[in-house]
C-alpha atoms as a PDB file:
ATOM      1  CA  UNK A   1       0.000   0.000   0.000  1.00  0.00           C
ATOM      2  CA  UNK A   2       1.498   3.327  -0.985  1.00  0.00           C
ATOM      3  CA  UNK A   3       1.674   6.305   1.316  1.00  0.00           C
ATOM      4  CA  UNK A   4       0.235   9.624   0.169  1.00  0.00           C
ATOM      5  CA  UNK A   5       2.877  12.066  -0.945  1.00  0.00           C
ATOM      6  CA  UNK A   6       3.162  14.850   1.634  1.00  0.00           C
ATOM      7  CA  UNK A   7       2.688  18.391   0.440  1.00  0.00           C
ATOM      8  CA  UNK A   8       6.008  20.122  -0.209  1.00  0.00           C
ATOM      9  CA  UNK A   9       7.185  22.189   2.719  1.00  0.00           C
ATOM     10  CA  UNK A  10       7.066  25.916   2.095  1.00  0.00           C
ATOM     11  CA  UNK A  11      10.626  27.345   2.128  1.00  0.00           C
ATOM     12  CA  UNK A  12      11.377  29.381   5.231  1.00  0.00           C
ATOM     13  CA  UNK A  13      14.235  31.850   5.085  1.00  0.00           C
ATOM     14  CA  UNK A  14      13.790  33.228   8.612  1.00  0.00           C
ATOM     15  CA  UNK A  15      11.444  32.161  11.405  1.00  0.00           C
ATOM     16  CA  UNK A  16      10.207  32.429  14.957  1.00  0.00           C
ATOM     17  CA  UNK A  17       7.804  30.123  16.773  1.00  0.00           C
ATOM     18  CA  UNK A  18       4.790  32.049  15.419  1.00  0.00           C
ATOM     19  CA  UNK A  19       5.807  33.323  11.975  1.00  0.00           C
ATOM     20  CA  UNK A  20       8.217  32.722   9.137  1.00  0.00           C
ATOM     21  CA  UNK A  21       9.521  34.835   6.277  1.00  0.00           C
ATOM     22  CA  UNK A  22       9.778  33.383   2.809  1.00  0.00           C
ATOM     23  CA  UNK A  23      10.492  34.555  -0.720  1.00  0.00           C
ATOM     24  CA  UNK A  24       7.657  35.533  -3.053  1.00  0.00           C
ATOM     25  CA  UNK A  25       6.659  33.015  -5.702  1.00  0.00           C
ATOM     26  CA  UNK A  26       4.775  33.891  -8.865  1.00  0.00           C
ATOM     27  CA  UNK A  27       1.901  31.794  -7.489  1.00  0.00           C
ATOM     28  CA  UNK A  28       1.585  34.219  -4.549  1.00  0.00           C
ATOM     29  CA  UNK A  29      -0.077  36.903  -6.664  1.00  0.00           C
ATOM     30  CA  UNK A  30      -3.589  35.694  -5.784  1.00  0.00           C
ATOM     31  CA  UNK A  31      -2.843  35.659  -2.047  1.00  0.00           C
ATOM     32  CA  UNK A  32      -0.983  38.998  -2.078  1.00  0.00           C
ATOM     33  CA  UNK A  33      -3.230  40.968  -4.444  1.00  0.00           C
ATOM     34  CA  UNK A  34      -6.334  41.439  -2.198  1.00  0.00           C
ATOM     35  CA  UNK A  35      -4.223  42.985   0.579  1.00  0.00           C
ATOM     36  CA  UNK A  36      -3.433  45.877  -1.753  1.00  0.00           C
ATOM     37  CA  UNK A  37      -7.069  46.948  -1.526  1.00  0.00           C
ATOM     38  CA  UNK A  38      -7.561  46.808   2.248  1.00  0.00           C
ATOM     39  CA  UNK A  39      -8.668  50.355   3.133  1.00  0.00           C
ATOM     40  CA  UNK A  40      -6.786  50.578   6.440  1.00  0.00           C
ATOM     41  CA  UNK A  41      -3.613  49.108   4.963  1.00  0.00           C
ATOM     42  CA  UNK A  42      -3.768  51.627   2.105  1.00  0.00           C
ATOM     43  CA  UNK A  43      -4.194  54.480   4.593  1.00  0.00           C
ATOM     44  CA  UNK A  44      -1.326  53.366   6.847  1.00  0.00           C
ATOM     45  CA  UNK A  45       1.052  52.974   3.908  1.00  0.00           C
ATOM     46  CA  UNK A  46      -0.182  56.037   2.040  1.00  0.00           C
ATOM     47  CA  UNK A  47      -0.974  53.932  -1.031  1.00  0.00           C
ATOM     48  CA  UNK A  48      -2.591  56.155  -3.644  1.00  0.00           C
ATOM     49  CA  UNK A  49      -2.439  53.982  -6.770  1.00  0.00           C
ATOM     50  CA  UNK A  50      -4.520  51.037  -7.883  1.00  0.00           C
ATOM     51  CA  UNK A  51      -2.928  47.881  -9.264  1.00  0.00           C
ATOM     52  CA  UNK A  52      -3.913  45.057 -11.586  1.00  0.00           C
ATOM     53  CA  UNK A  53      -3.020  41.402 -11.027  1.00  0.00           C
ATOM     54  CA  UNK A  54      -0.702  41.621 -14.041  1.00  0.00           C
ATOM     55  CA  UNK A  55       1.124  44.637 -12.594  1.00  0.00           C
ATOM     56  CA  UNK A  56       1.521  42.877  -9.244  1.00  0.00           C
ATOM     57  CA  UNK A  57       2.839  39.746 -10.958  1.00  0.00           C
ATOM     58  CA  UNK A  58       5.421  41.774 -12.891  1.00  0.00           C
ATOM     59  CA  UNK A  59       6.399  43.657  -9.721  1.00  0.00           C
ATOM     60  CA  UNK A  60       6.998  40.383  -7.851  1.00  0.00           C
ATOM     61  CA  UNK A  61       8.992  38.973 -10.759  1.00  0.00           C
ATOM     62  CA  UNK A  62      11.147  42.105 -11.093  1.00  0.00           C
ATOM     63  CA  UNK A  63      11.705  42.417  -7.334  1.00  0.00           C
ATOM     64  CA  UNK A  64      13.062  38.872  -7.260  1.00  0.00           C
ATOM     65  CA  UNK A  65      15.756  39.859  -9.736  1.00  0.00           C
ATOM     66  CA  UNK A  66      16.743  43.119  -8.027  1.00  0.00           C
ATOM     67  CA  UNK A  67      19.966  42.650  -6.020  1.00  0.00           C
ATOM     68  CA  UNK A  68      19.311  45.847  -4.052  1.00  0.00           C
ATOM     69  CA  UNK A  69      16.072  44.459  -2.619  1.00  0.00           C
ATOM     70  CA  UNK A  70      14.998  41.531  -0.450  1.00  0.00           C
ATOM     71  CA  UNK A  71      11.207  41.152  -0.351  1.00  0.00           C
ATOM     72  CA  UNK A  72       9.745  38.442   1.860  1.00  0.00           C
ATOM     73  CA  UNK A  73       6.246  37.353   2.711  1.00  0.00           C
ATOM     74  CA  UNK A  74       5.232  36.997   6.362  1.00  0.00           C
ATOM     75  CA  UNK A  75       3.295  33.788   7.048  1.00  0.00           C
ATOM     76  CA  UNK A  76       1.885  32.101  10.130  1.00  0.00           C
ATOM     77  CA  UNK A  77       3.650  28.915  11.249  1.00  0.00           C
ATOM     78  CA  UNK A  78       0.477  27.062  12.199  1.00  0.00           C
ATOM     79  CA  UNK A  79      -1.386  27.363   8.868  1.00  0.00           C
ATOM     80  CA  UNK A  80       0.981  28.981   6.306  1.00  0.00           C
ATOM     81  CA  UNK A  81      -1.429  31.921   5.897  1.00  0.00           C
ATOM     82  CA  UNK A  82       0.238  34.974   4.357  1.00  0.00           C
ATOM     83  CA  UNK A  83      -0.351  37.962   6.622  1.00  0.00           C
ATOM     84  CA  UNK A  84       1.954  40.598   5.161  1.00  0.00           C
ATOM     85  CA  UNK A  85       5.337  41.432   3.744  1.00  0.00           C
ATOM     86  CA  UNK A  86       8.648  42.885   4.844  1.00  0.00           C
ATOM     87  CA  UNK A  87      11.372  44.214   2.576  1.00  0.00           C
ATOM     88  CA  UNK A  88      14.896  45.577   2.671  1.00  0.00           C
ATOM     89  CA  UNK A  89      15.126  47.993  -0.247  1.00  0.00           C
ATOM     90  CA  UNK A  90      17.670  50.311  -1.803  1.00  0.00           C
ATOM     91  CA  UNK A  91      20.547  48.336  -0.268  1.00  0.00           C
ATOM     92  CA  UNK A  92      23.702  50.323  -0.908  1.00  0.00           C
ATOM     93  CA  UNK A  93      26.941  48.332  -0.629  1.00  0.00           C
ATOM     94  CA  UNK A  94      29.353  51.251  -0.261  1.00  0.00           C
ATOM     95  CA  UNK A  95      27.297  53.043   2.388  1.00  0.00           C
ATOM     96  CA  UNK A  96      26.130  49.747   3.922  1.00  0.00           C
ATOM     97  CA  UNK A  97      22.613  51.158   4.210  1.00  0.00           C
ATOM     98  CA  UNK A  98      19.067  50.136   3.327  1.00  0.00           C
ATOM     99  CA  UNK A  99      15.466  51.144   3.760  1.00  0.00           C
ATOM    100  CA  UNK A 100      13.011  48.732   5.424  1.00  0.00           C
ATOM    101  CA  UNK A 101       9.295  48.467   4.734  1.00  0.00           C
ATOM    102  CA  UNK A 102       6.714  46.298   6.478  1.00  0.00           C
ATOM    103  CA  UNK A 103       2.987  45.780   6.212  1.00  0.00           C
ATOM    104  CA  UNK A 104       0.592  43.459   8.020  1.00  0.00           C
ATOM    105  CA  UNK A 105      -2.394  43.051   5.760  1.00  0.00           C
ATOM    106  CA  UNK A 106      -5.596  42.998   7.847  1.00  0.00           C
ATOM    107  CA  UNK A 107      -6.796  44.302  11.197  1.00  0.00           C
ATOM    108  CA  UNK A 108      -7.225  40.745  12.501  1.00  0.00           C
ATOM    109  CA  UNK A 109      -3.439  40.262  12.265  1.00  0.00           C
ATOM    110  CA  UNK A 110      -2.419  43.705  13.503  1.00  0.00           C
ATOM    111  CA  UNK A 111      -1.607  44.521  17.128  1.00  0.00           C
ATOM    112  CA  UNK A 112      -0.452  40.956  17.862  1.00  0.00           C
ATOM    113  CA  UNK A 113       3.285  41.529  17.564  1.00  0.00           C
ATOM    114  CA  UNK A 114       3.679  39.760  14.218  1.00  0.00           C
ATOM    115  CA  UNK A 115       5.062  42.894  12.593  1.00  0.00           C
ATOM    116  CA  UNK A 116       7.639  43.413  15.346  1.00  0.00           C
ATOM    117  CA  UNK A 117       8.737  39.773  15.080  1.00  0.00           C
ATOM    118  CA  UNK A 118       9.074  39.998  11.303  1.00  0.00           C
ATOM    119  CA  UNK A 119      10.925  43.302  11.495  1.00  0.00           C
ATOM    120  CA  UNK A 120      13.310  41.940  14.121  1.00  0.00           C
ATOM    121  CA  UNK A 121      14.077  38.950  11.863  1.00  0.00           C
ATOM    122  CA  UNK A 122      14.742  41.282   8.926  1.00  0.00           C
ATOM    123  CA  UNK A 123      16.932  43.606  11.004  1.00  0.00           C
ATOM    124  CA  UNK A 124      18.971  40.641  12.222  1.00  0.00           C
ATOM    125  CA  UNK A 125      19.376  39.472   8.626  1.00  0.00           C
ATOM    126  CA  UNK A 126      20.257  42.956   7.403  1.00  0.00           C
ATOM    127  CA  UNK A 127      22.873  43.637  10.059  1.00  0.00           C
ATOM    128  CA  UNK A 128      24.128  40.064  10.534  1.00  0.00           C
ATOM    129  CA  UNK A 129      24.079  38.635   7.000  1.00  0.00           C
ATOM    130  CA  UNK A 130      23.961  41.590   4.612  1.00  0.00           C
ATOM    131  CA  UNK A 131      26.575  43.500   6.655  1.00  0.00           C
ATOM    132  CA  UNK A 132      24.507  46.673   6.759  1.00  0.00           C
ATOM    133  CA  UNK A 133      25.488  49.551   9.027  1.00  0.00           C
ATOM    134  CA  UNK A 134      22.276  51.597   8.845  1.00  0.00           C
ATOM    135  CA  UNK A 135      18.640  50.644   8.252  1.00  0.00           C
ATOM    136  CA  UNK A 136      16.061  53.393   7.958  1.00  0.00           C
ATOM    137  CA  UNK A 137      12.316  53.644   7.528  1.00  0.00           C
ATOM    138  CA  UNK A 138       9.667  56.252   7.035  1.00  0.00           C
ATOM    139  CA  UNK A 139       6.319  56.232   8.849  1.00  0.00           C
ATOM    140  CA  UNK A 140       3.406  58.645   8.650  1.00  0.00           C
ATOM    141  CA  UNK A 141       2.827  60.666  11.809  1.00  0.00           C
ATOM    142  CA  UNK A 142      -0.756  59.413  12.175  1.00  0.00           C
ATOM    143  CA  UNK A 143       0.464  55.787  12.487  1.00  0.00           C
ATOM    144  CA  UNK A 144       1.152  56.043  16.206  1.00  0.00           C
ATOM    145  CA  UNK A 145       0.993  52.274  16.833  1.00  0.00           C
ATOM    146  CA  UNK A 146       3.758  51.666  14.282  1.00  0.00           C
ATOM    147  CA  UNK A 147       5.872  54.506  15.688  1.00  0.00           C
ATOM    148  CA  UNK A 148       5.642  52.979  19.193  1.00  0.00           C
ATOM    149  CA  UNK A 149       6.584  49.552  17.820  1.00  0.00           C
ATOM    150  CA  UNK A 150       9.588  50.950  15.935  1.00  0.00           C
ATOM    151  CA  UNK A 151      10.797  52.865  18.994  1.00  0.00           C
ATOM    152  CA  UNK A 152      10.381  49.750  21.146  1.00  0.00           C
ATOM    153  CA  UNK A 153      12.626  47.861  18.714  1.00  0.00           C
ATOM    154  CA  UNK A 154      15.231  50.632  18.985  1.00  0.00           C
ATOM    155  CA  UNK A 155      14.656  52.883  15.991  1.00  0.00           C
ATOM    156  CA  UNK A 156      15.565  56.518  16.600  1.00  0.00           C
ATOM    157  CA  UNK A 157      13.667  59.487  15.187  1.00  0.00           C
ATOM    158  CA  UNK A 158      15.842  61.552  12.874  1.00  0.00           C
ATOM    159  CA  UNK A 159      13.501  64.108  11.440  1.00  0.00           C
ATOM    160  CA  UNK A 160      10.184  64.987   9.913  1.00  0.00           C
ATOM    161  CA  UNK A 161       9.280  65.540   6.298  1.00  0.00           C
ATOM    162  CA  UNK A 162       6.471  68.053   6.620  1.00  0.00           C
ATOM    163  CA  UNK A 163       3.349  67.560   4.520  1.00  0.00           C
ATOM    164  CA  UNK A 164       4.972  64.636   2.709  1.00  0.00           C
ATOM    165  CA  UNK A 165       1.743  62.755   1.957  1.00  0.00           C
ATOM    166  CA  UNK A 166      -1.558  64.018   0.623  1.00  0.00           C
ATOM    167  CA  UNK A 167      -4.246  61.498   1.593  1.00  0.00           C
ATOM    168  CA  UNK A 168      -7.974  61.807   2.223  1.00  0.00           C
ATOM    169  CA  UNK A 169      -8.133  65.586   1.706  1.00  0.00           C
ATOM    170  CA  UNK A 170      -5.222  66.373   4.064  1.00  0.00           C
ATOM    171  CA  UNK A 171      -1.465  66.609   4.161  1.00  0.00           C
ATOM    172  CA  UNK A 172       0.424  64.391   6.629  1.00  0.00           C
ATOM    173  CA  UNK A 173       3.978  64.475   7.958  1.00  0.00           C
ATOM    174  CA  UNK A 174       6.379  61.573   7.478  1.00  0.00           C
ATOM    175  CA  UNK A 175       8.802  60.677  10.249  1.00  0.00           C
ATOM    176  CA  UNK A 176      12.238  59.364   9.311  1.00  0.00           C
ATOM    177  CA  UNK A 177      13.652  56.786  11.735  1.00  0.00           C
ATOM    178  CA  UNK A 178      16.791  54.670  11.669  1.00  0.00           C
ATOM    179  CA  UNK A 179      18.830  52.101  13.530  1.00  0.00           C
ATOM    180  CA  UNK A 180      22.596  51.544  13.363  1.00  0.00           C
ATOM    181  CA  UNK A 181      24.244  48.147  13.605  1.00  0.00           C
ATOM    182  CA  UNK A 182      25.786  48.730  17.060  1.00  0.00           C
ATOM    183  CA  UNK A 183      22.389  49.867  18.392  1.00  0.00           C
ATOM    184  CA  UNK A 184      20.803  46.661  17.123  1.00  0.00           C
ATOM    185  CA  UNK A 185      23.522  44.441  18.571  1.00  0.00           C
ATOM    186  CA  UNK A 186      23.483  46.152  21.977  1.00  0.00           C
ATOM    187  CA  UNK A 187      19.730  45.743  22.219  1.00  0.00           C
ATOM    188  CA  UNK A 188      18.991  42.434  20.498  1.00  0.00           C
ATOM    189  CA  UNK A 189      22.025  40.130  20.483  1.00  0.00           C
ATOM    190  CA  UNK A 190      23.867  38.416  23.295  1.00  0.00           C
ATOM    191  CA  UNK A 191      27.578  39.266  23.261  1.00  0.00           C
END
């Protein structure tokens, strides 16, 4: 009697007990695409454009071939559900710097610490594997929950870009934050 063939294990680049980060696959378009239209997610990220499935597929394909970018999906360990994405972008070898972006797709997954776990994994990878010295991010001033989470992880405020985003009939400030490699190591690594 033959045994059923087990489903292939989803590749995990980085993981904690609750989540894992994995590369995008072209088959992820259908799972990723609806999150681009979540009203709260669009507000928090300042997304102003609309996208087609074809555009998203091309974006995923191109991002996978861009050496200055590492885009990973965030998935739950217990059911492999995709709940967001995290990316190191604009990696600059000479300056050893990058920009980080993260998004958790729906309210049911937000406020549970998944974003902080994913960001901590990406920071560890950026500083420990990619040999980065500085990782920065930009967050809109109205996203107070994200600002608190970033500060708790050790990001420092560097400045404000006034009226950087026009969204829902108003201008909003963007706050620039960063973390340096020694700040990460002092706070998050033993020795």
